[in-house]
Structure formats: C-alpha cells, structure tokens
C-alpha cells in the first residue's frame, strides 16, 4: 500500500458478486472506480444510479494504455477478449483504467495505490503483468465488510 490509501478498479464480475449492500457502502462509494465500459455492462443493475459518480471515463490516456495492453496479447489468444463470443469487452479497459489512474496520481506527493478487483484469471494475469496489485472479489468484499461491519 502506498502512503495515501488505495483506489479499487472494479471488474463487472466483481460488481455483480459484491451485491447491492456492499456497492452502496460508504467505503465502496469513496474508493471504487468503475470503468465506463464496466458501467455499461452493469446498466441493468437496480442501483446503477448510485454508482454514477464512480465512473472512470474512457479518456485518450486510457486508450493509450489499452493499446499498450493489447500489444501484449498474442494473435489468436482469446483469454482476455473474445469479441466473437461477446466476452471480455471491458476486461482490458479495467487494466487500462488502473494504469491511467496510477499514471495520473503518481504525479502527486502522496498517491494512492491502484488495485484491480476481479475474479477473471486473464484480467488478473494482465494486471500483474503490468505491475498492478490485484484483489479477488471475496478479498474486496471482506475489506468492505471490515470497514462497515454493521452493514
């Protein structure tokens, strides 16, 4: 952990597994970052409006990082993204948002650590390949519960 806390970039599978109570917790709302494409995938969630302030837009720098990430994916490898199967559309953007956020905040004297939260093995591996810390969905849920034990 760095000197100024952590920012948690949330994958779609994490959003769905956390449940509404955790997504509405003060800790989640203050520390979670939801990539724009993940929010699009979560558009059917009943509490989607409460998460709008947590959206991380797809900026030119996010797209820069996306191109860096995709350049490391071997041709024919569909573990991270398989557009023909409509799977993983947001996955590389989760990592790209974490890298862009980290890059932006590293300009500060006390910057937070950017952490990816996912249960997707391909996202997990790609995030670690780029030097990011990763938490499982259950680890993040336990962290939320420890900050808000009354739930």
C-alpha atoms as a PDB file:
ATOM      1  CA  UNK A   1       0.000   0.000   0.000  1.00  0.00           C
ATOM      2  CA  UNK A   2       1.222   3.477  -0.780  1.00  0.00           C
ATOM      3  CA  UNK A   3       1.015   6.423   1.601  1.00  0.00           C
ATOM      4  CA  UNK A   4      -2.391   7.681   0.524  1.00  0.00           C
ATOM      5  CA  UNK A   5      -4.674   4.657   0.509  1.00  0.00           C
ATOM      6  CA  UNK A   6      -5.964   2.666  -2.393  1.00  0.00           C
ATOM      7  CA  UNK A   7      -8.275   3.080  -5.375  1.00  0.00           C
ATOM      8  CA  UNK A   8     -10.021  -0.112  -6.455  1.00  0.00           C
ATOM      9  CA  UNK A   9     -10.824  -0.588 -10.144  1.00  0.00           C
ATOM     10  CA  UNK A  10     -13.824  -2.887 -10.286  1.00  0.00           C
ATOM     11  CA  UNK A  11     -14.457  -5.525 -12.951  1.00  0.00           C
ATOM     12  CA  UNK A  12     -18.024  -6.428 -13.958  1.00  0.00           C
ATOM     13  CA  UNK A  13     -17.846  -9.814 -12.245  1.00  0.00           C
ATOM     14  CA  UNK A  14     -16.839  -8.104  -9.013  1.00  0.00           C
ATOM     15  CA  UNK A  15     -19.726  -5.640  -9.235  1.00  0.00           C
ATOM     16  CA  UNK A  16     -22.247  -8.438  -9.601  1.00  0.00           C
ATOM     17  CA  UNK A  17     -20.739 -10.611  -6.857  1.00  0.00           C
ATOM     18  CA  UNK A  18     -20.428  -7.795  -4.310  1.00  0.00           C
ATOM     19  CA  UNK A  19     -24.168  -7.286  -4.122  1.00  0.00           C
ATOM     20  CA  UNK A  20     -26.127  -4.132  -3.624  1.00  0.00           C
ATOM     21  CA  UNK A  21     -25.396  -3.624   0.096  1.00  0.00           C
ATOM     22  CA  UNK A  22     -21.637  -3.577  -0.461  1.00  0.00           C
ATOM     23  CA  UNK A  23     -21.933  -1.451  -3.617  1.00  0.00           C
ATOM     24  CA  UNK A  24     -23.872   1.141  -1.592  1.00  0.00           C
ATOM     25  CA  UNK A  25     -21.405   1.151   1.317  1.00  0.00           C
ATOM     26  CA  UNK A  26     -19.531   4.332   2.124  1.00  0.00           C
ATOM     27  CA  UNK A  27     -16.183   2.562   1.634  1.00  0.00           C
ATOM     28  CA  UNK A  28     -17.134   1.372  -1.861  1.00  0.00           C
ATOM     29  CA  UNK A  29     -18.544   4.722  -2.928  1.00  0.00           C
ATOM     30  CA  UNK A  30     -15.433   6.573  -1.707  1.00  0.00           C
ATOM     31  CA  UNK A  31     -12.766   4.183  -3.022  1.00  0.00           C
ATOM     32  CA  UNK A  32     -14.118   2.245  -6.007  1.00  0.00           C
ATOM     33  CA  UNK A  33     -13.509   3.186  -9.614  1.00  0.00           C
ATOM     34  CA  UNK A  34     -15.764   1.728 -12.292  1.00  0.00           C
ATOM     35  CA  UNK A  35     -14.525   1.848 -15.871  1.00  0.00           C
ATOM     36  CA  UNK A  36     -17.069   3.336 -18.256  1.00  0.00           C
ATOM     37  CA  UNK A  37     -17.433   0.056 -20.176  1.00  0.00           C
ATOM     38  CA  UNK A  38     -18.000  -1.878 -16.935  1.00  0.00           C
ATOM     39  CA  UNK A  39     -20.748   0.583 -16.049  1.00  0.00           C
ATOM     40  CA  UNK A  40     -22.265  -0.018 -19.468  1.00  0.00           C
ATOM     41  CA  UNK A  41     -22.270  -3.775 -18.773  1.00  0.00           C
ATOM     42  CA  UNK A  42     -23.883  -3.096 -15.369  1.00  0.00           C
ATOM     43  CA  UNK A  43     -26.606  -0.862 -16.780  1.00  0.00           C
ATOM     44  CA  UNK A  44     -29.318  -3.315 -15.676  1.00  0.00           C
ATOM     45  CA  UNK A  45     -28.331  -3.235 -12.002  1.00  0.00           C
ATOM     46  CA  UNK A  46     -31.131  -1.741  -9.868  1.00  0.00           C
ATOM     47  CA  UNK A  47     -28.655   0.536  -8.047  1.00  0.00           C
ATOM     48  CA  UNK A  48     -26.746   1.719 -11.107  1.00  0.00           C
ATOM     49  CA  UNK A  49     -27.582   5.374 -10.369  1.00  0.00           C
ATOM     50  CA  UNK A  50     -25.759   5.251  -7.011  1.00  0.00           C
ATOM     51  CA  UNK A  51     -22.527   4.292  -8.799  1.00  0.00           C
ATOM     52  CA  UNK A  52     -22.524   7.024 -11.473  1.00  0.00           C
ATOM     53  CA  UNK A  53     -20.049   9.187  -9.530  1.00  0.00           C
ATOM     54  CA  UNK A  54     -17.569   6.294  -9.530  1.00  0.00           C
ATOM     55  CA  UNK A  55     -17.313   6.035 -13.321  1.00  0.00           C
ATOM     56  CA  UNK A  56     -13.845   6.342 -14.825  1.00  0.00           C
ATOM     57  CA  UNK A  57     -14.262   7.700 -18.368  1.00  0.00           C
ATOM     58  CA  UNK A  58     -12.517   6.230 -21.372  1.00  0.00           C
ATOM     59  CA  UNK A  59     -10.065   9.070 -21.975  1.00  0.00           C
ATOM     60  CA  UNK A  60      -7.330   9.334 -24.610  1.00  0.00           C
ATOM     61  CA  UNK A  61      -4.809   8.168 -21.959  1.00  0.00           C
ATOM     62  CA  UNK A  62      -6.971   5.139 -21.141  1.00  0.00           C
ATOM     63  CA  UNK A  63      -6.979   4.338 -24.864  1.00  0.00           C
ATOM     64  CA  UNK A  64      -3.198   4.757 -24.918  1.00  0.00           C
ATOM     65  CA  UNK A  65      -2.893   2.194 -22.122  1.00  0.00           C
ATOM     66  CA  UNK A  66      -5.430  -0.055 -23.853  1.00  0.00           C
ATOM     67  CA  UNK A  67      -3.223  -0.115 -26.949  1.00  0.00           C
ATOM     68  CA  UNK A  68      -0.201  -0.962 -24.775  1.00  0.00           C
ATOM     69  CA  UNK A  69      -2.123  -3.820 -23.157  1.00  0.00           C
ATOM     70  CA  UNK A  70      -3.476  -5.213 -26.414  1.00  0.00           C
ATOM     71  CA  UNK A  71       0.010  -5.130 -27.929  1.00  0.00           C
ATOM     72  CA  UNK A  72       0.995  -7.786 -25.365  1.00  0.00           C
ATOM     73  CA  UNK A  73      -1.829 -10.162 -26.315  1.00  0.00           C
ATOM     74  CA  UNK A  74      -0.647 -12.817 -28.773  1.00  0.00           C
ATOM     75  CA  UNK A  75      -2.560 -13.172 -32.014  1.00  0.00           C
ATOM     76  CA  UNK A  76      -5.301 -15.749 -31.605  1.00  0.00           C
ATOM     77  CA  UNK A  77      -5.339 -15.525 -27.798  1.00  0.00           C
ATOM     78  CA  UNK A  78      -8.966 -15.072 -26.733  1.00  0.00           C
ATOM     79  CA  UNK A  79      -8.454 -15.395 -22.977  1.00  0.00           C
ATOM     80  CA  UNK A  80      -8.649 -11.630 -22.328  1.00  0.00           C
ATOM     81  CA  UNK A  81     -11.018 -10.586 -25.125  1.00  0.00           C
ATOM     82  CA  UNK A  82     -13.177 -12.679 -27.414  1.00  0.00           C
ATOM     83  CA  UNK A  83     -15.316 -10.260 -29.380  1.00  0.00           C
ATOM     84  CA  UNK A  84     -16.836 -13.045 -31.490  1.00  0.00           C
ATOM     85  CA  UNK A  85     -18.200 -14.654 -28.315  1.00  0.00           C
ATOM     86  CA  UNK A  86     -19.115 -11.219 -26.864  1.00  0.00           C
ATOM     87  CA  UNK A  87     -16.849 -11.919 -23.891  1.00  0.00           C
ATOM     88  CA  UNK A  88     -14.393  -9.658 -22.128  1.00  0.00           C
ATOM     89  CA  UNK A  89     -15.257  -6.389 -23.841  1.00  0.00           C
ATOM     90  CA  UNK A  90     -14.489  -4.393 -20.678  1.00  0.00           C
ATOM     91  CA  UNK A  91     -11.663  -6.591 -19.395  1.00  0.00           C
ATOM     92  CA  UNK A  92      -8.631  -4.828 -20.915  1.00  0.00           C
ATOM     93  CA  UNK A  93     -10.235  -1.479 -20.066  1.00  0.00           C
ATOM     94  CA  UNK A  94     -10.226  -2.437 -16.369  1.00  0.00           C
ATOM     95  CA  UNK A  95      -6.447  -2.759 -16.508  1.00  0.00           C
ATOM     96  CA  UNK A  96      -6.104   0.339 -18.713  1.00  0.00           C
ATOM     97  CA  UNK A  97      -8.119   2.462 -16.262  1.00  0.00           C
ATOM     98  CA  UNK A  98      -5.947   1.296 -13.366  1.00  0.00           C
ATOM     99  CA  UNK A  99      -2.783   2.139 -15.286  1.00  0.00           C
ATOM    100  CA  UNK A 100      -4.096   5.557 -16.332  1.00  0.00           C
ATOM    101  CA  UNK A 101      -5.212   6.342 -12.786  1.00  0.00           C
ATOM    102  CA  UNK A 102      -1.864   5.256 -11.399  1.00  0.00           C
ATOM    103  CA  UNK A 103      -0.010   7.298 -14.003  1.00  0.00           C
ATOM    104  CA  UNK A 104      -2.096  10.382 -13.181  1.00  0.00           C
ATOM    105  CA  UNK A 105      -1.818  10.029  -9.401  1.00  0.00           C
ATOM    106  CA  UNK A 106       1.915   9.259  -9.415  1.00  0.00           C
ATOM    107  CA  UNK A 107       2.407  12.968 -10.097  1.00  0.00           C
ATOM    108  CA  UNK A 108       1.237  13.619  -6.531  1.00  0.00           C
ATOM    109  CA  UNK A 109       3.496  13.530  -3.495  1.00  0.00           C
ATOM    110  CA  UNK A 110       1.208  11.089  -1.692  1.00  0.00           C
ATOM    111  CA  UNK A 111      -0.525   8.929  -4.261  1.00  0.00           C
ATOM    112  CA  UNK A 112      -2.919   6.043  -3.739  1.00  0.00           C
ATOM    113  CA  UNK A 113      -2.150   2.544  -4.921  1.00  0.00           C
ATOM    114  CA  UNK A 114      -4.373   1.492  -7.827  1.00  0.00           C
ATOM    115  CA  UNK A 115      -5.695  -2.053  -7.355  1.00  0.00           C
ATOM    116  CA  UNK A 116      -7.687  -4.206  -9.776  1.00  0.00           C
ATOM    117  CA  UNK A 117     -10.590  -6.220  -8.312  1.00  0.00           C
ATOM    118  CA  UNK A 118     -11.578  -9.232 -10.410  1.00  0.00           C
ATOM    119  CA  UNK A 119     -12.325 -12.938 -10.479  1.00  0.00           C
ATOM    120  CA  UNK A 120     -11.267 -13.186 -14.117  1.00  0.00           C
ATOM    121  CA  UNK A 121      -7.949 -15.014 -14.461  1.00  0.00           C
ATOM    122  CA  UNK A 122      -6.996 -13.273 -17.718  1.00  0.00           C
ATOM    123  CA  UNK A 123      -7.608  -9.821 -16.210  1.00  0.00           C
ATOM    124  CA  UNK A 124      -5.735 -10.864 -13.050  1.00  0.00           C
ATOM    125  CA  UNK A 125      -2.720 -12.032 -15.063  1.00  0.00           C
ATOM    126  CA  UNK A 126      -2.663  -8.979 -17.338  1.00  0.00           C
ATOM    127  CA  UNK A 127      -2.903  -6.590 -14.369  1.00  0.00           C
ATOM    128  CA  UNK A 128       0.008  -8.335 -12.654  1.00  0.00           C
ATOM    129  CA  UNK A 129       1.985  -8.333 -15.903  1.00  0.00           C
ATOM    130  CA  UNK A 130       1.727  -4.535 -15.824  1.00  0.00           C
ATOM    131  CA  UNK A 131       2.787  -4.374 -12.158  1.00  0.00           C
ATOM    132  CA  UNK A 132      -0.629  -3.791 -10.604  1.00  0.00           C
ATOM    133  CA  UNK A 133      -1.876  -5.304  -7.358  1.00  0.00           C
ATOM    134  CA  UNK A 134      -4.959  -7.498  -7.721  1.00  0.00           C
ATOM    135  CA  UNK A 135      -7.616  -8.495  -5.200  1.00  0.00           C
ATOM    136  CA  UNK A 136     -10.168 -11.237  -5.649  1.00  0.00           C
ATOM    137  CA  UNK A 137     -13.838 -10.404  -5.342  1.00  0.00           C
ATOM    138  CA  UNK A 138     -14.025 -12.160  -1.972  1.00  0.00           C
ATOM    139  CA  UNK A 139     -10.967 -10.299  -0.653  1.00  0.00           C
ATOM    140  CA  UNK A 140     -12.518  -6.977  -1.640  1.00  0.00           C
ATOM    141  CA  UNK A 141     -15.877  -7.974  -0.138  1.00  0.00           C
ATOM    142  CA  UNK A 142     -14.113  -8.828   3.138  1.00  0.00           C
ATOM    143  CA  UNK A 143     -12.348  -5.444   3.036  1.00  0.00           C
ATOM    144  CA  UNK A 144     -15.673  -3.632   2.578  1.00  0.00           C
ATOM    145  CA  UNK A 145     -17.194  -5.680   5.431  1.00  0.00           C
ATOM    146  CA  UNK A 146     -14.276  -4.822   7.735  1.00  0.00           C
ATOM    147  CA  UNK A 147     -14.796  -1.092   7.056  1.00  0.00           C
ATOM    148  CA  UNK A 148     -18.568  -1.327   7.503  1.00  0.00           C
ATOM    149  CA  UNK A 149     -19.154  -4.205   9.966  1.00  0.00           C
ATOM    150  CA  UNK A 150     -22.755  -3.184  10.708  1.00  0.00           C
ATOM    151  CA  UNK A 151     -23.543  -3.446   7.023  1.00  0.00           C
END
